[in-house]
């Protein structure tokens, strides 16, 4: 599974991107379950966020959804954090 996260906005308006391929990871099943739940609650179009908040584009195996602070689900927040921390 290939997961890509693109974060925009924030106070400094700095874009950040990270991605991870879970195919060869021992915890790939955990990543897949998390990604499926995060994408299920995403929007097909970028939602209206709050001033200086972050907006996210999450792409999992070619399927893209959008979400933004402060209305992230727990699964979206966890997936974004993990990809940003562990991805390249």
Protein backbone atom coordinates (compact mmCIF):
# COMPACT_ATOMS: atom_id res chain seq x y z
CA UNK A 1 0.00 0.00 0.00
CA UNK A 2 1.31 3.43 -0.94
CA UNK A 3 0.23 6.34 1.29
CA UNK A 4 0.98 9.99 0.49
CA UNK A 5 0.12 12.97 2.73
CA UNK A 6 0.29 16.60 1.62
CA UNK A 7 -0.18 19.25 4.32
CA UNK A 8 -0.81 22.89 3.47
CA UNK A 9 -1.65 26.01 5.46
CA UNK A 10 -0.76 26.77 9.01
CA UNK A 11 0.57 30.03 10.40
CA UNK A 12 3.67 30.00 8.16
CA UNK A 13 1.85 28.46 5.15
CA UNK A 14 4.60 25.90 4.61
CA UNK A 15 3.75 22.87 2.48
CA UNK A 16 4.97 19.52 3.70
CA UNK A 17 4.74 16.16 1.98
CA UNK A 18 5.57 12.65 3.09
CA UNK A 19 4.88 9.19 1.77
CA UNK A 20 5.35 5.62 2.79
CA UNK A 21 5.09 2.26 1.04
CA UNK A 22 3.89 -0.40 3.45
CA UNK A 23 4.28 -3.41 1.14
CA UNK A 24 7.43 -4.81 2.78
CA UNK A 25 6.65 -3.81 6.35
CA UNK A 26 5.79 -6.32 9.05
CA UNK A 27 3.02 -3.99 10.25
CA UNK A 28 1.45 -3.52 6.81
CA UNK A 29 -1.90 -4.91 7.99
CA UNK A 30 -2.07 -2.29 10.74
CA UNK A 31 -1.26 0.47 8.22
CA UNK A 32 -3.90 -0.82 5.81
CA UNK A 33 -6.64 -0.88 8.45
CA UNK A 34 -5.73 2.61 9.65
CA UNK A 35 -5.59 4.01 6.11
CA UNK A 36 -8.96 2.50 5.17
CA UNK A 37 -10.63 4.06 8.21
CA UNK A 38 -8.96 7.45 7.62
CA UNK A 39 -9.95 7.56 3.95
CA UNK A 40 -13.52 6.45 4.67
CA UNK A 41 -14.15 9.67 6.62
CA UNK A 42 -12.43 11.98 4.10
CA UNK A 43 -14.07 14.42 1.69
CA UNK A 44 -13.98 14.31 -2.09
CA UNK A 45 -13.30 18.07 -2.19
CA UNK A 46 -11.16 20.18 0.16
CA UNK A 47 -13.35 21.26 3.10
CA UNK A 48 -13.32 24.80 4.46
CA UNK A 49 -10.80 24.97 7.26
CA UNK A 50 -10.06 27.55 9.91
CA UNK A 51 -7.64 30.49 9.65
CA UNK A 52 -4.04 29.31 10.13
CA UNK A 53 -5.21 25.68 10.31
CA UNK A 54 -3.75 22.83 8.33
CA UNK A 55 -5.46 21.21 5.35
CA UNK A 56 -4.55 17.71 4.23
CA UNK A 57 -4.68 15.69 1.06
CA UNK A 58 -4.39 11.95 1.75
CA UNK A 59 -3.82 9.59 -1.15
CA UNK A 60 -3.92 5.84 -0.61
CA UNK A 61 -3.16 3.67 -3.64
CA UNK A 62 -4.34 6.40 -6.01
CA UNK A 63 -7.54 7.31 -4.12
CA UNK A 64 -7.43 10.89 -2.75
CA UNK A 65 -9.49 12.44 0.02
CA UNK A 66 -9.27 15.78 1.83
CA UNK A 67 -9.62 16.84 5.46
CA UNK A 68 -8.66 19.79 7.64
CA UNK A 69 -8.04 20.88 11.20
CA UNK A 70 -9.79 20.98 13.58
CA UNK A 71 -12.20 18.41 12.14
CA UNK A 72 -9.86 15.44 11.75
CA UNK A 73 -11.02 12.05 12.93
CA UNK A 74 -8.76 10.16 15.32
CA UNK A 75 -7.81 7.81 12.47
CA UNK A 76 -6.93 10.68 10.13
CA UNK A 77 -4.81 12.39 12.78
CA UNK A 78 -3.00 9.14 13.60
CA UNK A 79 -2.35 8.29 9.94
CA UNK A 80 -1.11 11.80 9.14
CA UNK A 81 1.19 11.83 12.16
CA UNK A 82 2.64 8.40 11.38
CA UNK A 83 3.23 9.14 7.69
CA UNK A 84 4.84 12.51 8.48
CA UNK A 85 7.05 10.90 11.13
CA UNK A 86 8.00 7.61 9.43
CA UNK A 87 7.69 8.49 5.75
CA UNK A 88 10.12 10.11 3.42
